[in-house]
Amino acid sequence: EAHMEGYDVMPMAEAAEVGDVFLTTTGNRD
């Protein structure tokens, strides 16, 4: 759904290398 709405989707291991701001919204840990 996120991909089809135009956002880049990738694992956190990849996003960690390029992100400037990180917001967690999962309700889960770690």
All heavy atoms as atom14 arrays in JSON, in Angstrom:
{
  "sequence": "EAHMEGYDVMPMAEAAEVGDVFLTTTGNRD",
  "atom14_mask": [
    [1, 1, 1, 1, 1, 1, 1, 1, 1, 0, 0, 0, 0, 0],
    [1, 1, 1, 1, 1, 0, 0, 0, 0, 0, 0, 0, 0, 0],
    [1, 1, 1, 1, 1, 1, 1, 1, 1, 1, 0, 0, 0, 0],
    [1, 1, 1, 1, 1, 1, 1, 1, 0, 0, 0, 0, 0, 0],
    [1, 1, 1, 1, 1, 1, 1, 1, 1, 0, 0, 0, 0, 0],
    [1, 1, 1, 1, 0, 0, 0, 0, 0, 0, 0, 0, 0, 0],
    [1, 1, 1, 1, 1, 1, 1, 1, 1, 1, 1, 1, 0, 0],
    [1, 1, 1, 1, 1, 1, 1, 1, 0, 0, 0, 0, 0, 0],
    [1, 1, 1, 1, 1, 1, 1, 0, 0, 0, 0, 0, 0, 0],
    [1, 1, 1, 1, 1, 1, 1, 1, 0, 0, 0, 0, 0, 0],
    [1, 1, 1, 1, 1, 1, 1, 0, 0, 0, 0, 0, 0, 0],
    [1, 1, 1, 1, 1, 1, 1, 1, 0, 0, 0, 0, 0, 0],
    [1, 1, 1, 1, 1, 0, 0, 0, 0, 0, 0, 0, 0, 0],
    [1, 1, 1, 1, 1, 1, 1, 1, 1, 0, 0, 0, 0, 0],
    [1, 1, 1, 1, 1, 0, 0, 0, 0, 0, 0, 0, 0, 0],
    [1, 1, 1, 1, 1, 0, 0, 0, 0, 0, 0, 0, 0, 0],
    [1, 1, 1, 1, 1, 1, 1, 1, 1, 0, 0, 0, 0, 0],
    [1, 1, 1, 1, 1, 1, 1, 0, 0, 0, 0, 0, 0, 0],
    [1, 1, 1, 1, 0, 0, 0, 0, 0, 0, 0, 0, 0, 0],
    [1, 1, 1, 1, 1, 1, 1, 1, 0, 0, 0, 0, 0, 0],
    [1, 1, 1, 1, 1, 1, 1, 0, 0, 0, 0, 0, 0, 0],
    [1, 1, 1, 1, 1, 1, 1, 1, 1, 1, 1, 0, 0, 0],
    [1, 1, 1, 1, 1, 1, 1, 1, 0, 0, 0, 0, 0, 0],
    [1, 1, 1, 1, 1, 1, 1, 0, 0, 0, 0, 0, 0, 0],
    [1, 1, 1, 1, 1, 1, 1, 0, 0, 0, 0, 0, 0, 0],
    [1, 1, 1, 1, 1, 1, 1, 0, 0, 0, 0, 0, 0, 0],
    [1, 1, 1, 1, 0, 0, 0, 0, 0, 0, 0, 0, 0, 0],
    [1, 1, 1, 1, 1, 1, 1, 1, 0, 0, 0, 0, 0, 0],
    [1, 1, 1, 1, 1, 1, 1, 1, 1, 1, 1, 0, 0, 0],
    [1, 1, 1, 1, 1, 1, 1, 1, 0, 0, 0, 0, 0, 0]
  ],
  "atom14_positions": [
    [[0.83, -1.2, 0.0], [0.0, 0.0, 0.0], [0.87, 1.25, 0.0], [0.63, 2.2, -0.76], [-0.92, -0.01, 1.21], [-1.87, 1.17, 1.27], [-2.76, 1.16, 2.49], [-2.48, 0.39, 3.44], [-3.74, 1.93, 2.53], [0.0, 0.0, 0.0], [0.0, 0.0, 0.0], [0.0, 0.0, 0.0], [0.0, 0.0, 0.0], [0.0, 0.0, 0.0]],
    [[1.9, 1.26, 0.87], [2.79, 2.42, 0.91], [3.5, 2.62, -0.42], [3.65, 3.75, -0.91], [3.81, 2.24, 2.04], [0.0, 0.0, 0.0], [0.0, 0.0, 0.0], [0.0, 0.0, 0.0], [0.0, 0.0, 0.0], [0.0, 0.0, 0.0], [0.0, 0.0, 0.0], [0.0, 0.0, 0.0], [0.0, 0.0, 0.0], [0.0, 0.0, 0.0]],
    [[3.93, 1.52, -1.02], [4.61, 1.59, -2.33], [3.67, 2.17, -3.39], [4.06, 3.06, -4.17], [5.06, 0.19, -2.72], [5.51, 0.06, -4.14], [6.64, 0.69, -4.64], [4.96, -0.63, -5.19], [6.77, 0.39, -5.92], [5.77, -0.4, -6.28], [0.0, 0.0, 0.0], [0.0, 0.0, 0.0], [0.0, 0.0, 0.0], [0.0, 0.0, 0.0]],
    [[2.42, 1.72, -3.4], [1.48, 2.17, -4.42], [0.97, 3.59, -4.15], [0.37, 4.21, -5.03], [0.32, 1.19, -4.55], [0.76, -0.17, -5.09], [-0.6, -1.29, -5.47], [-1.3, -0.5, -6.91], [0.0, 0.0, 0.0], [0.0, 0.0, 0.0], [0.0, 0.0, 0.0], [0.0, 0.0, 0.0], [0.0, 0.0, 0.0], [0.0, 0.0, 0.0]],
    [[1.21, 4.09, -2.96], [0.87, 5.48, -2.67], [2.05, 6.42, -2.9], [1.99, 7.61, -2.57], [0.32, 5.59, -1.25], [-1.05, 4.94, -1.13], [-1.71, 5.11, 0.22], [-1.07, 5.65, 1.14], [-2.89, 4.71, 0.34], [0.0, 0.0, 0.0], [0.0, 0.0, 0.0], [0.0, 0.0, 0.0], [0.0, 0.0, 0.0], [0.0, 0.0, 0.0]],
    [[3.13, 5.86, -3.44], [4.21, 6.71, -3.92], [5.4, 6.86, -3.0], [6.31, 7.65, -3.3], [0.0, 0.0, 0.0], [0.0, 0.0, 0.0], [0.0, 0.0, 0.0], [0.0, 0.0, 0.0], [0.0, 0.0, 0.0], [0.0, 0.0, 0.0], [0.0, 0.0, 0.0], [0.0, 0.0, 0.0], [0.0, 0.0, 0.0], [0.0, 0.0, 0.0]],
    [[5.41, 6.13, -1.89], [6.54, 6.24, -0.96], [7.6, 5.2, -1.27], [7.3, 4.11, -1.8], [6.06, 6.06, 0.49], [4.98, 7.03, 0.89], [3.74, 6.58, 1.33], [5.18, 8.41, 0.83], [2.74, 7.46, 1.7], [4.19, 9.3, 1.19], [2.96, 8.82, 1.62], [1.98, 9.7, 1.98], [0.0, 0.0, 0.0], [0.0, 0.0, 0.0]],
    [[8.84, 5.51, -0.93], [9.89, 4.51, -1.0], [9.7, 3.53, 0.15], [9.44, 3.94, 1.29], [11.27, 5.17, -0.88], [11.63, 6.01, -2.09], [11.16, 5.67, -3.2], [12.35, 7.01, -1.93], [0.0, 0.0, 0.0], [0.0, 0.0, 0.0], [0.0, 0.0, 0.0], [0.0, 0.0, 0.0], [0.0, 0.0, 0.0], [0.0, 0.0, 0.0]],
    [[9.8, 2.26, -0.13], [9.65, 1.22, 0.9], [10.91, 0.39, 0.91], [11.36, -0.08, -0.14], [8.41, 0.33, 0.62], [8.29, -0.76, 1.69], [7.15, 1.17, 0.57], [0.0, 0.0, 0.0], [0.0, 0.0, 0.0], [0.0, 0.0, 0.0], [0.0, 0.0, 0.0], [0.0, 0.0, 0.0], [0.0, 0.0, 0.0], [0.0, 0.0, 0.0]],
    [[11.48, 0.21, 2.09], [12.72, -0.55, 2.22], [12.87, -1.05, 3.65], [12.2, -0.54, 4.56], [13.92, 0.3, 1.81], [14.15, 1.52, 2.69], [15.51, 2.59, 2.1], [14.78, 3.32, 0.63], [0.0, 0.0, 0.0], [0.0, 0.0, 0.0], [0.0, 0.0, 0.0], [0.0, 0.0, 0.0], [0.0, 0.0, 0.0], [0.0, 0.0, 0.0]],
    [[13.74, -2.02, 3.89], [14.0, -2.47, 5.26], [14.67, -1.36, 6.07], [15.36, -0.49, 5.51], [14.93, -3.67, 5.09], [14.76, -4.09, 3.66], [14.45, -2.85, 2.89], [0.0, 0.0, 0.0], [0.0, 0.0, 0.0], [0.0, 0.0, 0.0], [0.0, 0.0, 0.0], [0.0, 0.0, 0.0], [0.0, 0.0, 0.0], [0.0, 0.0, 0.0]],
    [[14.51, -1.42, 7.37], [15.12, -0.41, 8.23], [16.64, -0.41, 8.09], [17.28, 0.66, 8.19], [14.73, -0.64, 9.69], [15.29, 0.4, 10.66], [14.72, 2.1, 10.34], [13.06, 2.01, 11.02], [0.0, 0.0, 0.0], [0.0, 0.0, 0.0], [0.0, 0.0, 0.0], [0.0, 0.0, 0.0], [0.0, 0.0, 0.0], [0.0, 0.0, 0.0]],
    [[17.24, -1.57, 7.83], [18.7, -1.63, 7.67], [19.17, -0.73, 6.52], [20.26, -0.14, 6.59], [19.14, -3.07, 7.43], [0.0, 0.0, 0.0], [0.0, 0.0, 0.0], [0.0, 0.0, 0.0], [0.0, 0.0, 0.0], [0.0, 0.0, 0.0], [0.0, 0.0, 0.0], [0.0, 0.0, 0.0], [0.0, 0.0, 0.0], [0.0, 0.0, 0.0]],
    [[18.35, -0.62, 5.47], [18.71, 0.26, 4.35], [18.32, 1.71, 4.65], [19.08, 2.64, 4.36], [18.02, -0.21, 3.07], [18.46, -1.59, 2.59], [17.72, -2.02, 1.33], [17.16, -1.14, 0.64], [17.69, -3.24, 1.06], [0.0, 0.0, 0.0], [0.0, 0.0, 0.0], [0.0, 0.0, 0.0], [0.0, 0.0, 0.0], [0.0, 0.0, 0.0]],
    [[17.14, 1.89, 5.22], [16.67, 3.24, 5.52], [17.59, 3.94, 6.51], [17.78, 5.17, 6.45], [15.25, 3.18, 6.07], [0.0, 0.0, 0.0], [0.0, 0.0, 0.0], [0.0, 0.0, 0.0], [0.0, 0.0, 0.0], [0.0, 0.0, 0.0], [0.0, 0.0, 0.0], [0.0, 0.0, 0.0], [0.0, 0.0, 0.0], [0.0, 0.0, 0.0]],
    [[18.18, 3.17, 7.42], [19.06, 3.76, 8.44], [20.23, 4.5, 7.83], [20.74, 5.47, 8.41], [19.57, 2.66, 9.38], [0.0, 0.0, 0.0], [0.0, 0.0, 0.0], [0.0, 0.0, 0.0], [0.0, 0.0, 0.0], [0.0, 0.0, 0.0], [0.0, 0.0, 0.0], [0.0, 0.0, 0.0], [0.0, 0.0, 0.0], [0.0, 0.0, 0.0]],
    [[20.66, 4.09, 6.66], [21.82, 4.7, 6.02], [21.5, 6.05, 5.39], [22.39, 6.87, 5.21], [22.39, 3.76, 4.96], [22.89, 2.43, 5.52], [23.48, 1.56, 4.42], [23.6, 2.03, 3.27], [23.83, 0.4, 4.73], [0.0, 0.0, 0.0], [0.0, 0.0, 0.0], [0.0, 0.0, 0.0], [0.0, 0.0, 0.0], [0.0, 0.0, 0.0]],
    [[20.23, 6.29, 5.06], [19.88, 7.48, 4.29], [18.94, 8.44, 5.01], [18.75, 9.58, 4.58], [19.26, 7.1, 2.93], [20.27, 6.32, 2.09], [17.98, 6.3, 3.11], [0.0, 0.0, 0.0], [0.0, 0.0, 0.0], [0.0, 0.0, 0.0], [0.0, 0.0, 0.0], [0.0, 0.0, 0.0], [0.0, 0.0, 0.0], [0.0, 0.0, 0.0]],
    [[18.34, 8.01, 6.11], [17.34, 8.83, 6.78], [17.93, 10.03, 7.5], [19.04, 9.97, 8.05], [0.0, 0.0, 0.0], [0.0, 0.0, 0.0], [0.0, 0.0, 0.0], [0.0, 0.0, 0.0], [0.0, 0.0, 0.0], [0.0, 0.0, 0.0], [0.0, 0.0, 0.0], [0.0, 0.0, 0.0], [0.0, 0.0, 0.0], [0.0, 0.0, 0.0]],
    [[17.17, 11.12, 7.51], [17.51, 12.3, 8.31], [16.69, 12.35, 9.6], [17.18, 12.8, 10.64], [17.25, 13.58, 7.51], [18.08, 13.67, 6.26], [19.32, 13.54, 6.36], [17.5, 13.85, 5.17], [0.0, 0.0, 0.0], [0.0, 0.0, 0.0], [0.0, 0.0, 0.0], [0.0, 0.0, 0.0], [0.0, 0.0, 0.0], [0.0, 0.0, 0.0]],
    [[15.45, 11.92, 9.5], [14.53, 11.89, 10.64], [13.85, 10.53, 10.66], [13.41, 10.04, 9.62], [13.45, 12.99, 10.54], [12.58, 13.0, 11.79], [14.08, 14.35, 10.31], [0.0, 0.0, 0.0], [0.0, 0.0, 0.0], [0.0, 0.0, 0.0], [0.0, 0.0, 0.0], [0.0, 0.0, 0.0], [0.0, 0.0, 0.0], [0.0, 0.0, 0.0]],
    [[13.76, 9.93, 11.86], [13.13, 8.63, 12.02], [11.97, 8.76, 13.0], [12.16, 9.23, 14.13], [14.14, 7.6, 12.54], [15.27, 7.31, 11.59], [16.35, 8.19, 11.47], [15.27, 6.17, 10.8], [17.39, 7.94, 10.6], [16.31, 5.91, 9.92], [17.37, 6.8, 9.82], [0.0, 0.0, 0.0], [0.0, 0.0, 0.0], [0.0, 0.0, 0.0]],
    [[10.77, 8.34, 12.58], [9.6, 8.34, 13.45], [9.05, 6.92, 13.51], [8.66, 6.36, 12.48], [8.51, 9.28, 12.94], [8.65, 10.75, 13.29], [9.57, 11.44, 12.3], [7.28, 11.42, 13.25], [0.0, 0.0, 0.0], [0.0, 0.0, 0.0], [0.0, 0.0, 0.0], [0.0, 0.0, 0.0], [0.0, 0.0, 0.0], [0.0, 0.0, 0.0]],
    [[9.01, 6.35, 14.7], [8.44, 5.01, 14.87], [6.96, 5.13, 15.24], [6.58, 5.95, 16.07], [9.19, 4.24, 15.96], [9.2, 5.0, 17.18], [10.63, 3.98, 15.54], [0.0, 0.0, 0.0], [0.0, 0.0, 0.0], [0.0, 0.0, 0.0], [0.0, 0.0, 0.0], [0.0, 0.0, 0.0], [0.0, 0.0, 0.0], [0.0, 0.0, 0.0]],
    [[6.14, 4.29, 14.62], [4.69, 4.34, 14.86], [4.1, 2.94, 14.99], [2.92, 2.72, 14.7], [3.96, 5.07, 13.71], [4.02, 4.26, 12.52], [4.57, 6.43, 13.42], [0.0, 0.0, 0.0], [0.0, 0.0, 0.0], [0.0, 0.0, 0.0], [0.0, 0.0, 0.0], [0.0, 0.0, 0.0], [0.0, 0.0, 0.0], [0.0, 0.0, 0.0]],
    [[4.9, 1.97, 15.44], [4.49, 0.57, 15.35], [3.76, 0.05, 16.59], [2.98, -0.89, 16.49], [5.71, -0.33, 15.12], [6.5, -0.38, 16.32], [6.55, 0.17, 13.96], [0.0, 0.0, 0.0], [0.0, 0.0, 0.0], [0.0, 0.0, 0.0], [0.0, 0.0, 0.0], [0.0, 0.0, 0.0], [0.0, 0.0, 0.0], [0.0, 0.0, 0.0]],
    [[4.06, 0.6, 17.75], [3.56, 0.02, 18.99], [4.35, -1.2, 19.43], [4.04, -1.83, 20.45], [0.0, 0.0, 0.0], [0.0, 0.0, 0.0], [0.0, 0.0, 0.0], [0.0, 0.0, 0.0], [0.0, 0.0, 0.0], [0.0, 0.0, 0.0], [0.0, 0.0, 0.0], [0.0, 0.0, 0.0], [0.0, 0.0, 0.0], [0.0, 0.0, 0.0]],
    [[5.41, -1.55, 18.7], [6.24, -2.72, 19.05], [7.6, -2.25, 19.55], [7.92, -1.06, 19.49], [6.4, -3.62, 17.82], [6.61, -5.07, 18.19], [7.04, -5.39, 19.29], [6.28, -5.96, 17.27], [0.0, 0.0, 0.0], [0.0, 0.0, 0.0], [0.0, 0.0, 0.0], [0.0, 0.0, 0.0], [0.0, 0.0, 0.0], [0.0, 0.0, 0.0]],
    [[8.4, -3.18, 20.01], [9.69, -2.82, 20.59], [10.83, -3.08, 19.6], [10.69, -3.81, 18.63], [9.94, -3.61, 21.88], [10.09, -5.13, 21.7], [10.49, -5.82, 23.01], [11.69, -5.25, 23.55], [11.78, -4.69, 24.77], [10.73, -4.66, 25.55], [12.92, -4.18, 25.19], [0.0, 0.0, 0.0], [0.0, 0.0, 0.0], [0.0, 0.0, 0.0]],
    [[11.99, -2.44, 19.87], [13.23, -2.7, 19.14], [13.08, -2.52, 17.63], [13.57, -3.32, 16.84], [13.75, -4.12, 19.45], [14.04, -4.31, 20.93], [14.34, -3.31, 21.61], [13.95, -5.46, 21.42], [0.0, 0.0, 0.0], [0.0, 0.0, 0.0], [0.0, 0.0, 0.0], [0.0, 0.0, 0.0], [0.0, 0.0, 0.0], [0.0, 0.0, 0.0]]
  ]
}
